[in-house]
Amino acid sequence: EASVPFDSFLLSTFKNTALYTASQAQGVWAPVSIVFEPSLEVPGGGILVVKAPTSFSFDLDHDGTCSTLLLLDEVRFTNDKYRCLVDSDFPTYATVELSPGAELLAGSSYRLVLLMKNDASVGDAR
């Protein structure tokens, strides 16, 4: 059975995504790069939330900020354009908050680099 089309909204997603890590070693802090292209503009004041697997954690400073770089076509955003936060109660979530006026443009290629560690233990070889 079919229905009459109805007004809806465009889902905000990313395309041309990729994930790169500098190391696969466990227990070692290593940069992880997330490459993405927004399908819609992310306005100033917008947020990006990155969820890591359970055994991973983000580098967390004493003030709740995390080590990160945000780049547009390999040009770094200055620190006043965004900040990265990690709640110590939820260490697998990093929230990148854009400052007012620091939007992410639709169709542009960005790279977000976060410092992470895999805390998983290695099982016995059998």
N, C-alpha and C. Protein backbone atom coordinates (compact mmCIF):
# COMPACT_ATOMS: atom_id res chain seq x y z
N GLU A 1 0.85 -1.17 0.00
CA GLU A 1 0.00 0.00 0.00
C GLU A 1 0.90 1.23 0.00
N ALA A 2 0.55 2.24 -0.74
CA ALA A 2 1.34 3.46 -0.85
C ALA A 2 0.62 4.62 -0.19
N SER A 3 1.39 5.62 0.21
CA SER A 3 0.78 6.81 0.80
C SER A 3 1.17 8.02 -0.03
N VAL A 4 0.49 9.10 0.21
CA VAL A 4 0.80 10.36 -0.46
C VAL A 4 2.10 10.89 0.14
N PRO A 5 3.06 11.38 -0.68
CA PRO A 5 4.30 11.94 -0.13
C PRO A 5 4.01 13.05 0.88
N PHE A 6 4.85 13.13 1.90
CA PHE A 6 4.67 14.17 2.92
C PHE A 6 5.99 14.87 3.17
N ASP A 7 5.90 16.11 3.67
CA ASP A 7 7.09 16.88 3.97
C ASP A 7 7.90 16.18 5.05
N SER A 8 9.20 16.28 4.93
CA SER A 8 10.10 15.63 5.87
C SER A 8 11.31 16.53 6.08
N PHE A 9 12.43 15.99 6.48
CA PHE A 9 13.65 16.76 6.66
C PHE A 9 14.81 15.97 6.09
N LEU A 10 15.86 16.70 5.73
CA LEU A 10 17.06 16.08 5.19
C LEU A 10 17.93 15.64 6.37
N LEU A 11 18.31 14.38 6.37
CA LEU A 11 19.14 13.83 7.44
C LEU A 11 20.56 14.34 7.30
N SER A 12 21.10 14.85 8.38
CA SER A 12 22.47 15.37 8.39
C SER A 12 23.43 14.20 8.50
N THR A 13 24.16 13.95 7.44
CA THR A 13 25.12 12.84 7.45
C THR A 13 26.44 13.31 6.86
N PHE A 14 27.38 12.39 6.83
CA PHE A 14 28.70 12.66 6.26
C PHE A 14 28.94 11.69 5.13
N LYS A 15 29.73 12.12 4.15
CA LYS A 15 30.12 11.22 3.07
C LYS A 15 31.64 11.26 2.95
N ASN A 16 32.16 10.37 2.13
CA ASN A 16 33.61 10.25 1.95
C ASN A 16 34.34 10.16 3.28
N THR A 17 33.87 9.27 4.13
CA THR A 17 34.45 9.11 5.47
C THR A 17 35.57 8.06 5.46
N ALA A 18 36.51 8.24 6.35
CA ALA A 18 37.61 7.28 6.52
C ALA A 18 38.16 7.43 7.92
N LEU A 19 38.78 6.38 8.41
CA LEU A 19 39.38 6.36 9.74
C LEU A 19 40.79 5.80 9.62
N TYR A 20 41.77 6.51 10.19
CA TYR A 20 43.17 6.09 10.14
C TYR A 20 43.75 6.17 11.54
N THR A 21 44.60 5.21 11.87
CA THR A 21 45.29 5.24 13.15
C THR A 21 46.80 5.11 12.93
N ALA A 22 47.56 5.73 13.81
CA ALA A 22 49.02 5.68 13.69
C ALA A 22 49.59 4.41 14.30
N SER A 23 48.80 3.73 15.16
CA SER A 23 49.31 2.53 15.82
C SER A 23 48.12 1.64 16.20
N GLN A 24 48.35 0.34 16.17
CA GLN A 24 47.34 -0.60 16.63
C GLN A 24 47.74 -1.24 17.95
N ALA A 25 48.80 -0.72 18.55
CA ALA A 25 49.30 -1.26 19.82
C ALA A 25 48.33 -0.96 20.95
N GLN A 26 48.19 -1.90 21.86
CA GLN A 26 47.31 -1.71 23.01
C GLN A 26 48.04 -0.96 24.11
N GLY A 27 47.31 -0.11 24.83
CA GLY A 27 47.88 0.60 25.97
C GLY A 27 48.78 1.77 25.60
N VAL A 28 48.77 2.18 24.34
CA VAL A 28 49.63 3.26 23.85
C VAL A 28 48.75 4.39 23.32
N TRP A 29 49.08 5.62 23.70
CA TRP A 29 48.36 6.77 23.15
C TRP A 29 48.78 6.95 21.69
N ALA A 30 47.81 7.08 20.80
CA ALA A 30 48.10 7.23 19.38
C ALA A 30 47.05 8.13 18.73
N PRO A 31 47.47 8.93 17.76
CA PRO A 31 46.49 9.77 17.05
C PRO A 31 45.61 8.93 16.13
N VAL A 32 44.33 9.25 16.12
CA VAL A 32 43.36 8.63 15.23
C VAL A 32 42.76 9.75 14.39
N SER A 33 42.81 9.60 13.06
CA SER A 33 42.28 10.61 12.14
C SER A 33 40.94 10.15 11.58
N ILE A 34 39.96 11.03 11.65
CA ILE A 34 38.65 10.78 11.06
C ILE A 34 38.48 11.79 9.93
N VAL A 35 38.35 11.30 8.71
CA VAL A 35 38.16 12.17 7.55
C VAL A 35 36.68 12.12 7.19
N PHE A 36 36.09 13.28 6.92
CA PHE A 36 34.66 13.33 6.62
C PHE A 36 34.33 14.56 5.79
N GLU A 37 33.18 14.49 5.14
CA GLU A 37 32.66 15.59 4.33
C GLU A 37 31.18 15.76 4.70
N PRO A 38 30.82 16.86 5.38
CA PRO A 38 29.41 17.04 5.75
C PRO A 38 28.52 17.18 4.52
N SER A 39 27.35 16.55 4.57
CA SER A 39 26.40 16.71 3.47
C SER A 39 25.60 18.01 3.64
N LEU A 40 25.54 18.51 4.85
CA LEU A 40 24.91 19.80 5.16
C LEU A 40 25.88 20.63 5.98
N GLU A 41 25.71 21.93 5.98
CA GLU A 41 26.55 22.80 6.81
C GLU A 41 26.30 22.51 8.29
N VAL A 42 27.38 22.46 9.06
CA VAL A 42 27.28 22.38 10.52
C VAL A 42 27.55 23.80 11.00
N PRO A 43 26.53 24.50 11.52
CA PRO A 43 26.70 25.92 11.86
C PRO A 43 27.56 26.14 13.09
N GLY A 44 28.07 27.35 13.24
CA GLY A 44 28.77 27.74 14.46
C GLY A 44 27.89 27.45 15.65
N GLY A 45 28.48 26.93 16.71
CA GLY A 45 27.71 26.50 17.86
C GLY A 45 27.29 25.05 17.76
N GLY A 46 27.48 24.44 16.58
CA GLY A 46 27.13 23.03 16.38
C GLY A 46 28.12 22.12 17.06
N ILE A 47 27.78 20.85 17.15
CA ILE A 47 28.66 19.88 17.81
C ILE A 47 28.84 18.63 16.94
N LEU A 48 29.97 17.99 17.13
CA LEU A 48 30.24 16.67 16.58
C LEU A 48 30.52 15.77 17.77
N VAL A 49 29.91 14.61 17.81
CA VAL A 49 30.15 13.66 18.89
C VAL A 49 30.78 12.42 18.30
N VAL A 50 31.91 12.01 18.87
CA VAL A 50 32.62 10.81 18.43
C VAL A 50 32.53 9.80 19.56
N LYS A 51 32.02 8.61 19.23
CA LYS A 51 31.95 7.54 20.23
C LYS A 51 32.97 6.48 19.87
N ALA A 52 33.82 6.18 20.82
CA ALA A 52 34.85 5.16 20.64
C ALA A 52 34.34 3.82 21.16
N PRO A 53 34.92 2.71 20.71
CA PRO A 53 34.56 1.41 21.28
C PRO A 53 34.84 1.39 22.79
N THR A 54 34.19 0.50 23.48
CA THR A 54 34.25 0.44 24.95
C THR A 54 35.66 0.37 25.51
N SER A 55 36.56 -0.35 24.87
CA SER A 55 37.90 -0.51 25.41
C SER A 55 38.82 0.68 25.15
N PHE A 56 38.35 1.67 24.40
CA PHE A 56 39.17 2.84 24.07
C PHE A 56 38.85 4.00 24.98
N SER A 57 39.79 4.93 25.08
CA SER A 57 39.54 6.17 25.82
C SER A 57 40.22 7.32 25.10
N PHE A 58 39.68 8.51 25.29
CA PHE A 58 40.25 9.72 24.71
C PHE A 58 41.19 10.35 25.71
N ASP A 59 42.23 11.01 25.22
CA ASP A 59 43.16 11.73 26.08
C ASP A 59 42.39 12.85 26.77
N LEU A 60 42.45 12.90 28.07
CA LEU A 60 41.65 13.84 28.86
C LEU A 60 42.55 14.67 29.76
N ASP A 61 42.51 16.00 29.59
CA ASP A 61 43.27 16.90 30.46
C ASP A 61 42.50 17.10 31.76
N HIS A 62 43.14 17.69 32.76
CA HIS A 62 42.52 17.91 34.07
C HIS A 62 41.27 18.79 33.98
N ASP A 63 41.15 19.61 32.94
CA ASP A 63 39.99 20.51 32.81
C ASP A 63 38.88 19.92 31.94
N GLY A 64 38.99 18.64 31.58
CA GLY A 64 37.94 17.99 30.80
C GLY A 64 38.08 18.15 29.29
N THR A 65 39.15 18.80 28.85
CA THR A 65 39.34 18.94 27.40
C THR A 65 40.18 17.77 26.88
N CYS A 66 40.05 17.51 25.59
CA CYS A 66 40.83 16.42 24.99
C CYS A 66 41.74 16.96 23.91
N SER A 67 42.80 16.22 23.65
CA SER A 67 43.78 16.61 22.63
C SER A 67 43.20 16.34 21.25
N THR A 68 43.13 17.38 20.44
CA THR A 68 42.53 17.22 19.11
C THR A 68 43.04 18.27 18.15
N LEU A 69 42.94 17.97 16.86
CA LEU A 69 43.18 18.91 15.78
C LEU A 69 41.99 18.82 14.84
N LEU A 70 41.55 19.95 14.31
CA LEU A 70 40.50 19.98 13.30
C LEU A 70 41.07 20.72 12.11
N LEU A 71 41.01 20.08 10.94
CA LEU A 71 41.61 20.66 9.74
C LEU A 71 40.61 20.69 8.60
N LEU A 72 40.67 21.74 7.79
CA LEU A 72 39.91 21.85 6.54
C LEU A 72 40.94 21.86 5.43
N ASP A 73 40.89 20.85 4.56
CA ASP A 73 41.87 20.75 3.47
C ASP A 73 43.29 20.94 3.98
N GLU A 74 43.59 20.30 5.12
CA GLU A 74 44.91 20.30 5.76
C GLU A 74 45.32 21.65 6.37
N VAL A 75 44.39 22.61 6.45
CA VAL A 75 44.65 23.88 7.15
C VAL A 75 43.99 23.79 8.52
N ARG A 76 44.79 23.97 9.56
CA ARG A 76 44.31 23.78 10.93
C ARG A 76 43.38 24.90 11.39
N PHE A 77 42.28 24.50 12.04
CA PHE A 77 41.42 25.46 12.73
C PHE A 77 42.19 25.95 13.95
N THR A 78 42.11 27.23 14.26
CA THR A 78 42.76 27.74 15.47
C THR A 78 41.95 27.32 16.69
N ASN A 79 42.61 27.29 17.85
CA ASN A 79 41.97 26.81 19.08
C ASN A 79 40.75 27.62 19.50
N ASP A 80 40.63 28.87 19.04
CA ASP A 80 39.46 29.66 19.41
C ASP A 80 38.24 29.30 18.56
N LYS A 81 38.38 28.43 17.56
CA LYS A 81 37.27 28.07 16.67
C LYS A 81 36.51 26.82 17.14
N TYR A 82 37.09 26.07 18.07
CA TYR A 82 36.43 24.85 18.55
C TYR A 82 37.09 24.41 19.86
N ARG A 83 36.42 23.49 20.54
CA ARG A 83 37.03 22.84 21.70
C ARG A 83 36.50 21.41 21.77
N CYS A 84 37.30 20.56 22.34
CA CYS A 84 36.95 19.15 22.48
C CYS A 84 36.81 18.83 23.97
N LEU A 85 35.70 18.21 24.32
CA LEU A 85 35.41 17.89 25.72
C LEU A 85 35.15 16.40 25.89
N VAL A 86 35.59 15.87 27.02
CA VAL A 86 35.30 14.48 27.39
C VAL A 86 34.84 14.50 28.84
N ASP A 87 33.68 13.94 29.10
CA ASP A 87 33.17 13.81 30.46
C ASP A 87 33.84 12.58 31.07
N SER A 88 34.48 12.74 32.23
CA SER A 88 35.20 11.62 32.85
C SER A 88 34.26 10.45 33.17
N ASP A 89 32.96 10.69 33.29
CA ASP A 89 32.00 9.62 33.53
C ASP A 89 31.69 8.85 32.24
N PHE A 90 31.97 9.45 31.08
CA PHE A 90 31.71 8.83 29.78
C PHE A 90 32.96 8.98 28.90
N PRO A 91 34.05 8.29 29.25
CA PRO A 91 35.33 8.51 28.57
C PRO A 91 35.39 8.03 27.13
N THR A 92 34.36 7.32 26.67
CA THR A 92 34.36 6.86 25.27
C THR A 92 33.65 7.85 24.34
N TYR A 93 33.22 8.99 24.87
CA TYR A 93 32.56 10.02 24.05
C TYR A 93 33.40 11.29 24.06
N ALA A 94 33.72 11.79 22.87
CA ALA A 94 34.38 13.10 22.73
C ALA A 94 33.39 14.02 22.01
N THR A 95 33.19 15.21 22.56
CA THR A 95 32.28 16.18 21.96
C THR A 95 33.10 17.37 21.48
N VAL A 96 33.04 17.62 20.18
CA VAL A 96 33.73 18.76 19.58
C VAL A 96 32.70 19.85 19.38
N GLU A 97 32.87 20.97 20.09
CA GLU A 97 31.94 22.10 20.00
C GLU A 97 32.55 23.19 19.13
N LEU A 98 31.81 23.60 18.10
CA LEU A 98 32.27 24.69 17.25
C LEU A 98 31.92 26.02 17.89
N SER A 99 32.81 26.99 17.80
CA SER A 99 32.54 28.34 18.30
C SER A 99 31.59 29.04 17.34
N PRO A 100 30.85 30.05 17.81
CA PRO A 100 30.01 30.82 16.89
C PRO A 100 30.85 31.35 15.72
N GLY A 101 30.35 31.21 14.53
CA GLY A 101 31.06 31.68 13.34
C GLY A 101 32.07 30.70 12.78
N ALA A 102 32.21 29.54 13.38
CA ALA A 102 33.19 28.54 12.92
C ALA A 102 32.46 27.34 12.34
N GLU A 103 31.76 27.52 11.25
CA GLU A 103 30.95 26.45 10.69
C GLU A 103 31.78 25.47 9.86
N LEU A 104 31.21 24.28 9.68
CA LEU A 104 31.77 23.29 8.76
C LEU A 104 30.93 23.34 7.50
N LEU A 105 31.55 23.58 6.36
CA LEU A 105 30.84 23.77 5.11
C LEU A 105 30.48 22.45 4.45
N ALA A 106 29.27 22.37 3.91
CA ALA A 106 28.84 21.18 3.19
C ALA A 106 29.74 20.97 1.98
N GLY A 107 30.11 19.72 1.74
CA GLY A 107 30.92 19.39 0.57
C GLY A 107 32.41 19.63 0.72
N SER A 108 32.85 20.12 1.88
CA SER A 108 34.29 20.34 2.12
C SER A 108 34.86 19.17 2.91
N SER A 109 36.13 18.88 2.68
CA SER A 109 36.78 17.75 3.32
C SER A 109 37.47 18.19 4.62
N TYR A 110 37.13 17.54 5.71
CA TYR A 110 37.69 17.84 7.03
C TYR A 110 38.41 16.62 7.57
N ARG A 111 39.35 16.89 8.49
CA ARG A 111 40.03 15.82 9.21
C ARG A 111 40.04 16.19 10.68
N LEU A 112 39.53 15.30 11.50
CA LEU A 112 39.53 15.45 12.95
C LEU A 112 40.53 14.45 13.50
N VAL A 113 41.52 14.92 14.24
CA VAL A 113 42.55 14.04 14.81
C VAL A 113 42.39 14.06 16.32
N LEU A 114 42.20 12.88 16.90
CA LEU A 114 42.02 12.73 18.34
C LEU A 114 43.09 11.79 18.88
N LEU A 115 43.55 12.06 20.09
CA LEU A 115 44.52 11.19 20.74
C LEU A 115 43.74 10.16 21.56
N MET A 116 43.98 8.86 21.26
CA MET A 116 43.22 7.79 21.89
C MET A 116 44.15 6.66 22.35
N LYS A 117 43.60 5.84 23.26
CA LYS A 117 44.34 4.66 23.74
C LYS A 117 43.38 3.48 23.81
N ASN A 118 43.85 2.32 23.37
CA ASN A 118 43.09 1.08 23.48
C ASN A 118 43.54 0.38 24.76
N ASP A 119 42.63 0.32 25.74
CA ASP A 119 42.96 -0.26 27.03
C ASP A 119 42.62 -1.75 27.13
N ALA A 120 42.22 -2.37 26.03
CA ALA A 120 41.83 -3.78 26.06
C ALA A 120 43.03 -4.64 26.45
N SER A 121 42.76 -5.66 27.23
CA SER A 121 43.85 -6.58 27.59
C SER A 121 44.00 -7.62 26.49
N VAL A 122 45.19 -8.11 26.37
CA VAL A 122 45.48 -9.13 25.37
C VAL A 122 45.21 -10.49 25.99
N GLY A 123 44.46 -11.31 25.31
CA GLY A 123 44.14 -12.65 25.82
C GLY A 123 45.30 -13.60 25.67
N ASP A 124 45.23 -14.73 26.34
CA ASP A 124 46.26 -15.77 26.25
C ASP A 124 46.23 -16.40 24.85
N ALA A 125 47.40 -16.68 24.31
CA ALA A 125 47.47 -17.40 23.03
C ALA A 125 47.19 -18.87 23.32
N ARG A 126 46.40 -19.49 22.47
CA ARG A 126 46.04 -20.91 22.68
C ARG A 126 46.40 -21.71 21.47
